[in-house]
Amino acid sequence: MQILNTKFHIPAPDQDTMVQRKALLATILAQWIEAGKRGFETTWISLEKRDNTWTSFWTYVIRAFQKIEPHVCDQAKGLLEAGSKNTDSTPPYSL
């Protein structure tokens, strides 16, 4: 699976324009993150409808955490890669 690095950029809050309702949550979160950059790390994932598979979603989550700590989630990444060989539409386990 190819990773798109643009999905990890926090959108810049725009103070001069009105926010469309569907983008309101992302704008609020981006402003909160920008205001709170005081000694803690944050990560961001911009998801789209086509990211609605287990493999795609968790690949981006793992990669986002690895931007902060490179080897975190290595075991989870290995399990994900092993499980993605089975299918991309159903989870490897049931709850």
Protein backbone atom coordinates (compact mmCIF):
# COMPACT_ATOMS: atom_id res chain seq x y z
CA MET A 1 0.00 0.00 0.00
CA GLN A 2 1.37 3.40 -0.96
CA ILE A 3 1.37 5.98 1.85
CA LEU A 4 0.40 9.56 1.00
CA ASN A 5 2.47 11.89 3.19
CA THR A 6 0.02 14.76 2.66
CA LYS A 7 -2.43 12.95 4.94
CA PHE A 8 -0.20 13.72 7.92
CA HIS A 9 -0.25 17.54 7.59
CA ILE A 10 -2.41 19.42 10.06
CA PRO A 11 -4.53 21.88 8.09
CA ALA A 12 -3.62 25.51 8.76
CA PRO A 13 -6.43 27.31 10.55
CA ASP A 14 -7.74 30.18 8.42
CA GLN A 15 -8.88 33.07 10.59
CA ASP A 16 -10.27 35.18 7.73
CA THR A 17 -12.95 32.95 6.25
CA MET A 18 -16.05 31.20 7.50
CA VAL A 19 -15.80 27.48 8.05
CA GLN A 20 -18.14 25.12 6.24
CA ARG A 21 -20.02 22.93 8.69
CA LYS A 22 -18.47 19.66 7.46
CA ALA A 23 -14.97 21.10 7.98
CA LEU A 24 -15.75 22.62 11.38
CA LEU A 25 -14.38 19.75 13.50
CA ALA A 26 -11.09 19.64 11.58
CA THR A 27 -10.73 23.41 11.92
CA ILE A 28 -11.42 23.36 15.66
CA LEU A 29 -8.93 20.53 16.20
CA ALA A 30 -6.26 22.24 14.07
CA GLN A 31 -6.66 25.48 16.06
CA TRP A 32 -6.55 23.59 19.36
CA ILE A 33 -3.38 21.73 18.33
CA GLU A 34 -1.72 24.93 17.10
CA ALA A 35 -2.61 26.80 20.32
CA GLY A 36 -1.37 23.96 22.52
CA LYS A 37 2.08 23.34 21.04
CA ARG A 38 3.80 23.63 24.39
CA GLY A 39 5.91 20.56 24.94
CA PHE A 40 3.76 17.71 23.70
CA GLU A 41 3.78 15.97 20.36
CA THR A 42 0.76 15.64 18.12
CA THR A 43 0.03 13.74 14.98
CA TRP A 44 -2.68 14.06 12.37
CA ILE A 45 -4.37 11.86 9.80
CA SER A 46 -6.67 13.19 7.08
CA LEU A 47 -8.94 10.33 6.09
CA GLU A 48 -11.10 10.03 3.02
CA LYS A 49 -13.90 7.69 2.04
CA ARG A 50 -11.48 5.43 0.15
CA ASP A 51 -9.51 4.88 3.38
CA ASN A 52 -12.43 2.85 4.72
CA THR A 53 -10.61 -0.48 4.92
CA TRP A 54 -8.90 -2.06 7.92
CA THR A 55 -5.54 -2.11 6.19
CA SER A 56 -5.67 1.47 4.97
CA PHE A 57 -6.96 2.95 8.24
CA TRP A 58 -4.56 1.14 10.56
CA THR A 59 -1.59 1.67 8.23
CA TYR A 60 -2.14 5.42 8.50
CA VAL A 61 -2.68 5.27 12.29
CA ILE A 62 0.57 3.33 12.75
CA ARG A 63 2.50 5.63 10.43
CA ALA A 64 1.16 8.69 12.27
CA PHE A 65 2.45 7.36 15.60
CA GLN A 66 5.77 6.47 13.97
CA LYS A 67 6.22 10.10 12.94
CA ILE A 68 6.53 10.86 16.66
CA GLU A 69 8.37 7.70 17.76
CA PRO A 70 9.87 5.75 14.81
CA HIS A 71 9.71 2.21 16.25
CA VAL A 72 6.44 2.42 18.14
CA CYS A 73 3.84 0.00 16.79
CA ASP A 74 6.42 -2.18 14.99
CA GLN A 75 4.70 -5.31 16.27
CA ALA A 76 1.28 -4.00 15.28
CA LYS A 77 2.61 -3.11 11.84
CA GLY A 78 3.90 -6.67 11.39
CA LEU A 79 0.54 -8.12 12.44
CA LEU A 80 -1.27 -5.76 10.09
CA GLU A 81 0.95 -6.71 7.17
CA ALA A 82 0.45 -10.41 7.91
CA GLY A 83 -3.32 -10.00 8.27
CA SER A 84 -3.70 -7.88 5.13
CA LYS A 85 -2.71 -10.86 3.02
CA ASN A 86 -6.04 -12.50 3.95
CA THR A 87 -8.52 -9.77 3.04
CA ASP A 88 -8.83 -6.00 3.09
CA SER A 89 -12.53 -5.79 3.89
CA THR A 90 -12.98 -7.75 7.10
CA PRO A 91 -11.07 -7.59 10.36
CA PRO A 92 -8.69 -10.45 11.23
CA TYR A 93 -10.72 -11.10 14.39
CA SER A 94 -14.20 -10.48 15.71
CA LEU A 95 -15.21 -8.58 18.82
